[in-house]
Amino acid sequence: MASIRVDKWLTTAGYGTRSEAKKLCRAGRVRLNGETVKDAAKHADPAVDVLEVDGELVPYEPLVYFMMYKPPGYVSSTEDPRDPVVIELLDEEDIWRDVFPVGRLDKDAEGLLLLTNDGPLAHRLLAPKRHVPKRYFVRVRGALGEGDARALAEGVVLDDGYKAMPAELEILRSGAESEAIIQVYEGKYHQVKRMFASLGKRVTFLKRISMGPLSLDPALKPGEYRRLTEGEIEALRAYDGRGER
């Protein structure tokens, strides 16, 4: 394992922000391999070195996983020249963990967003061949009927001529404004909106409620996030692309 700064090790382990980690070091409360460390920029190797705070061992947690309820108005990115990004919603100590969003969620959409620094896991979840199912609650202008469900199940043609993979539609309410749950198996640009546009319907509200084995925690409010449970992490790691079609 490559060496890291002592303050990054401390923040990764939950000892506050970088500035708080530096204060711990300056106060003489941090020891590396038995020696006091006052310079928070000192490098250490978590694979072989021993870090302590007030005599207690500090574990190194290199991989972290967060579930966020993304609010509308935020871009699913680590940086953007014009708009606020989801990373800005994280606490400083979590930003310091170099996490990134797994996949895209439209700027005006809301709902489940997974953030992690686990690159291999993100790659597996986003690989096109995996066809990881994603479920959305949608509100559209216009009545939805069984004909729309059949068209989506057969695969609609998008505005650029691409034929989308078959999707599953559960109509909750049909009328001048309709509500439904749609499950898709790919993640093209503005995928859900373009699929409904091909049916002559305009999406007015879009909320992602699940991705693979992970479902949005109903206790989270827009802009809030939490760590994944061990069970959720194991489910993601064990996920084998059961949505493949």
Protein backbone atom coordinates (compact mmCIF):
# COMPACT_ATOMS: atom_id res chain seq x y z
CA MET A 1 0.00 0.00 0.00
CA ALA A 2 1.31 3.45 -0.87
CA SER A 3 2.13 5.81 1.96
CA ILE A 4 -0.31 8.55 2.89
CA ARG A 5 -0.20 11.67 5.04
CA VAL A 6 -0.93 11.23 8.72
CA ASP A 7 -3.77 13.79 8.57
CA LYS A 8 -5.43 11.84 5.74
CA TRP A 9 -5.13 8.63 7.76
CA LEU A 10 -6.77 10.36 10.73
CA THR A 11 -9.64 11.88 8.73
CA THR A 12 -10.24 8.59 6.94
CA ALA A 13 -10.56 6.93 10.34
CA GLY A 14 -13.12 9.50 11.47
CA TYR A 15 -10.96 11.84 13.54
CA GLY A 16 -12.54 14.96 12.13
CA THR A 17 -11.42 17.36 9.43
CA ARG A 18 -7.87 17.94 8.24
CA SER A 19 -7.58 21.01 10.45
CA GLU A 20 -8.75 18.99 13.46
CA ALA A 21 -6.25 16.24 12.63
CA LYS A 22 -3.47 18.83 12.54
CA LYS A 23 -4.53 20.11 15.95
CA LEU A 24 -4.29 16.58 17.33
CA CYS A 25 -0.74 16.33 16.02
CA ARG A 26 0.30 19.74 17.32
CA ALA A 27 -1.09 18.79 20.73
CA GLY A 28 1.23 15.79 20.84
CA ARG A 29 -1.65 13.31 20.97
CA VAL A 30 -0.62 11.37 17.85
CA ARG A 31 2.10 8.70 17.81
CA LEU A 32 3.49 6.83 14.80
CA ASN A 33 5.31 3.61 15.60
CA GLY A 34 5.64 4.79 19.18
CA GLU A 35 7.01 8.25 18.35
CA THR A 36 5.07 11.50 18.69
CA VAL A 37 4.12 13.06 15.36
CA LYS A 38 3.65 16.82 15.35
CA ASP A 39 3.80 17.24 11.58
CA ALA A 40 0.47 16.13 10.12
CA ALA A 41 2.02 16.06 6.64
CA LYS A 42 4.35 13.21 7.61
CA HIS A 43 3.80 10.11 5.49
CA ALA A 44 3.06 6.64 6.79
CA ASP A 45 2.21 3.25 5.31
CA PRO A 46 -1.02 1.82 6.84
CA ALA A 47 0.08 -1.66 5.77
CA VAL A 48 3.08 -1.70 8.11
CA ASP A 49 2.98 1.37 10.36
CA VAL A 50 1.08 1.77 13.64
CA LEU A 51 -0.78 5.02 14.31
CA GLU A 52 -2.25 5.92 17.70
CA VAL A 53 -4.26 8.78 19.16
CA ASP A 54 -4.17 9.09 22.93
CA GLY A 55 -2.78 5.57 23.09
CA GLU A 56 -5.56 4.01 21.01
CA LEU A 57 -4.85 2.31 17.68
CA VAL A 58 -6.22 4.13 14.64
CA PRO A 59 -7.51 1.73 11.95
CA TYR A 60 -7.12 2.72 8.33
CA GLU A 61 -10.29 2.46 6.27
CA PRO A 62 -9.21 2.97 2.66
CA LEU A 63 -12.60 2.26 1.08
CA VAL A 64 -15.81 4.07 2.01
CA TYR A 65 -19.36 3.88 0.66
CA PHE A 66 -22.09 6.50 1.01
CA MET A 67 -25.74 6.55 0.02
CA MET A 68 -26.94 10.05 -0.83
CA TYR A 69 -30.38 11.41 -1.53
CA LYS A 70 -29.32 13.73 -4.34
CA PRO A 71 -31.44 16.88 -4.45
CA PRO A 72 -32.38 18.55 -7.74
CA GLY A 73 -30.03 21.28 -8.96
CA TYR A 74 -26.80 19.38 -8.31
CA VAL A 75 -24.57 17.80 -10.93
CA SER A 76 -23.43 14.21 -10.33
CA SER A 77 -19.75 15.03 -10.55
CA THR A 78 -16.73 15.96 -8.44
CA GLU A 79 -16.44 19.38 -10.12
CA ASP A 80 -18.29 21.56 -12.61
CA PRO A 81 -17.47 25.06 -13.89
CA ARG A 82 -21.07 26.30 -13.70
CA ASP A 83 -23.24 24.30 -11.34
CA PRO A 84 -22.97 22.97 -7.78
CA VAL A 85 -21.85 19.34 -7.56
CA VAL A 86 -22.91 16.56 -5.20
CA ILE A 87 -19.46 16.42 -3.60
CA GLU A 88 -20.17 19.82 -2.06
CA LEU A 89 -22.90 18.18 0.05
CA LEU A 90 -20.36 16.01 1.86
CA ASP A 91 -18.70 16.88 5.15
CA GLU A 92 -15.08 17.97 4.80
CA GLU A 93 -13.69 14.76 6.26
CA ASP A 94 -15.65 12.73 3.70
CA ILE A 95 -14.58 14.90 0.76
CA TRP A 96 -11.02 14.23 1.88
CA ARG A 97 -11.62 10.53 1.21
CA ASP A 98 -11.59 11.22 -2.55
CA VAL A 99 -15.05 9.77 -3.15
CA PHE A 100 -16.89 10.18 -6.43
CA PRO A 101 -20.45 9.49 -7.63
CA VAL A 102 -21.09 6.12 -9.27
CA GLY A 103 -22.87 6.98 -12.50
CA ARG A 104 -24.98 9.96 -13.45
CA LEU A 105 -28.27 11.30 -12.22
CA ASP A 106 -29.70 14.24 -14.18
CA LYS A 107 -29.16 17.68 -12.67
CA ASP A 108 -32.91 18.26 -12.21
CA ALA A 109 -33.52 14.69 -11.00
CA GLU A 110 -33.30 13.50 -7.42
CA GLY A 111 -32.93 10.31 -5.46
CA LEU A 112 -30.43 7.54 -4.86
CA LEU A 113 -26.78 8.22 -5.61
CA LEU A 114 -23.92 5.97 -4.55
CA LEU A 115 -20.60 7.63 -3.72
CA THR A 116 -17.40 5.73 -3.04
CA ASN A 117 -13.66 5.65 -3.61
CA ASP A 118 -13.84 1.99 -4.62
CA GLY A 119 -12.94 2.22 -8.31
CA PRO A 120 -13.22 -1.50 -9.15
CA LEU A 121 -16.70 -1.72 -7.60
CA ALA A 122 -17.84 1.40 -9.49
CA HIS A 123 -16.50 -0.07 -12.72
CA ARG A 124 -18.42 -3.31 -12.18
CA LEU A 125 -21.67 -1.49 -11.46
CA LEU A 126 -21.33 0.78 -14.48
CA ALA A 127 -20.05 -1.77 -17.01
CA PRO A 128 -22.54 -1.82 -19.92
CA LYS A 129 -22.50 -5.63 -20.07
CA ARG A 130 -23.71 -5.84 -16.47
CA HIS A 131 -27.07 -4.23 -17.24
CA VAL A 132 -27.53 -3.23 -13.59
CA PRO A 133 -31.23 -2.42 -13.12
CA LYS A 134 -32.17 1.08 -11.98
CA ARG A 135 -35.68 1.93 -10.82
CA TYR A 136 -37.22 5.40 -11.00
CA PHE A 137 -40.43 6.99 -9.83
CA VAL A 138 -41.61 9.26 -12.64
CA ARG A 139 -44.32 11.80 -13.15
CA VAL A 140 -45.19 12.60 -16.77
CA ARG A 141 -47.57 14.81 -18.70
CA GLY A 142 -50.13 12.73 -20.53
CA ALA A 143 -51.95 9.47 -19.92
CA LEU A 144 -49.96 6.26 -19.70
CA GLY A 145 -51.49 3.01 -20.91
CA GLU A 146 -50.71 -0.61 -21.59
CA GLY A 147 -49.56 0.36 -25.07
CA ASP A 148 -46.81 2.44 -23.54
CA ALA A 149 -45.80 -0.43 -21.27
CA ARG A 150 -45.63 -2.80 -24.25
CA ALA A 151 -43.58 -0.33 -26.28
CA LEU A 152 -41.06 0.07 -23.46
CA ALA A 153 -40.93 -3.70 -22.97
CA GLU A 154 -40.05 -4.13 -26.64
CA GLY A 155 -37.46 -1.34 -26.62
CA VAL A 156 -38.26 2.16 -27.88
CA VAL A 157 -36.18 4.06 -30.42
CA LEU A 158 -34.64 7.24 -29.02
CA ASP A 159 -34.25 10.58 -30.79
CA ASP A 160 -30.80 9.67 -32.12
CA GLY A 161 -31.98 6.40 -33.64
CA TYR A 162 -30.65 4.22 -30.83
CA LYS A 163 -32.98 1.39 -29.79
CA ALA A 164 -33.10 1.29 -26.02
CA MET A 165 -33.00 -1.98 -24.13
CA PRO A 166 -36.38 -3.30 -22.98
CA ALA A 167 -37.65 -1.61 -19.84
CA GLU A 168 -40.40 -2.45 -17.36
CA LEU A 169 -43.20 0.01 -16.60
CA GLU A 170 -45.58 -0.15 -13.66
CA ILE A 171 -48.34 2.44 -14.04
CA LEU A 172 -49.42 3.87 -10.69
CA ARG A 173 -51.81 6.53 -11.91
CA SER A 174 -52.92 7.56 -15.40
CA GLY A 175 -54.46 10.85 -16.42
CA ALA A 176 -53.51 14.32 -17.60
CA GLU A 177 -50.53 13.76 -15.33
CA SER A 178 -49.45 10.17 -14.81
CA GLU A 179 -47.21 8.46 -12.28
CA ALA A 180 -45.25 5.24 -12.74
CA ILE A 181 -42.25 3.16 -11.74
CA ILE A 182 -39.86 2.38 -14.58
CA GLN A 183 -36.95 -0.04 -14.44
CA VAL A 184 -34.16 0.37 -16.99
CA TYR A 185 -31.00 -1.63 -17.60
CA GLU A 186 -28.65 0.91 -19.11
CA GLY A 187 -27.57 4.47 -18.45
CA LYS A 188 -27.57 6.53 -21.63
CA TYR A 189 -27.65 10.33 -21.45
CA HIS A 190 -31.08 11.47 -20.17
CA GLN A 191 -32.17 7.86 -20.69
CA VAL A 192 -35.56 7.89 -18.93
CA LYS A 193 -36.62 11.29 -20.26
CA ARG A 194 -35.78 10.32 -23.82
CA MET A 195 -37.62 7.01 -23.50
CA PHE A 196 -40.80 8.75 -22.43
CA ALA A 197 -40.30 11.45 -25.07
CA SER A 198 -40.39 8.68 -27.69
CA LEU A 199 -43.88 7.91 -26.38
CA GLY A 200 -44.95 11.54 -26.65
CA LYS A 201 -44.76 12.09 -22.89
CA ARG A 202 -42.74 14.70 -21.01
CA VAL A 203 -41.15 13.79 -17.68
CA THR A 204 -41.86 16.46 -15.06
CA PHE A 205 -40.41 14.65 -12.04
CA LEU A 206 -37.76 11.96 -11.82
CA LYS A 207 -36.53 10.19 -8.70
CA ARG A 208 -34.21 7.19 -8.63
CA ILE A 209 -35.31 4.76 -5.94
CA SER A 210 -32.94 1.84 -6.46
CA MET A 211 -29.78 0.68 -8.23
CA GLY A 212 -29.02 -3.01 -8.33
CA PRO A 213 -29.44 -4.37 -4.78
CA LEU A 214 -29.33 -0.90 -3.21
CA SER A 215 -32.55 0.99 -2.39
CA LEU A 216 -32.91 4.59 -1.27
CA ASP A 217 -33.24 4.88 2.49
CA PRO A 218 -36.69 6.47 3.18
CA ALA A 219 -35.21 8.17 6.25
CA LEU A 220 -32.90 10.31 4.11
CA LYS A 221 -34.03 13.76 3.04
CA PRO A 222 -32.79 15.55 -0.09
CA GLY A 223 -29.16 16.55 0.41
CA GLU A 224 -28.56 14.04 3.22
CA TYR A 225 -26.34 10.98 3.07
CA ARG A 226 -25.15 8.13 5.24
CA ARG A 227 -22.62 5.32 5.20
CA LEU A 228 -23.76 2.03 3.74
CA THR A 229 -24.32 -0.77 6.20
CA GLU A 230 -22.04 -3.81 6.07
CA GLY A 231 -24.93 -5.76 4.59
CA GLU A 232 -25.42 -3.22 1.81
CA ILE A 233 -21.70 -3.20 1.02
CA GLU A 234 -21.59 -6.99 0.86
CA ALA A 235 -24.67 -7.01 -1.40
CA LEU A 236 -22.97 -4.62 -3.80
CA ARG A 237 -19.71 -6.58 -3.78
CA ALA A 238 -21.56 -9.85 -4.36
CA TYR A 239 -23.84 -8.45 -7.05
CA ASP A 240 -23.35 -10.50 -10.20
CA GLY A 241 -25.41 -8.65 -12.76
CA ARG A 242 -28.70 -10.43 -12.16
CA GLY A 243 -30.30 -7.68 -14.18
CA GLU A 244 -28.55 -8.91 -17.32
CA ARG A 245 -31.01 -9.47 -20.11
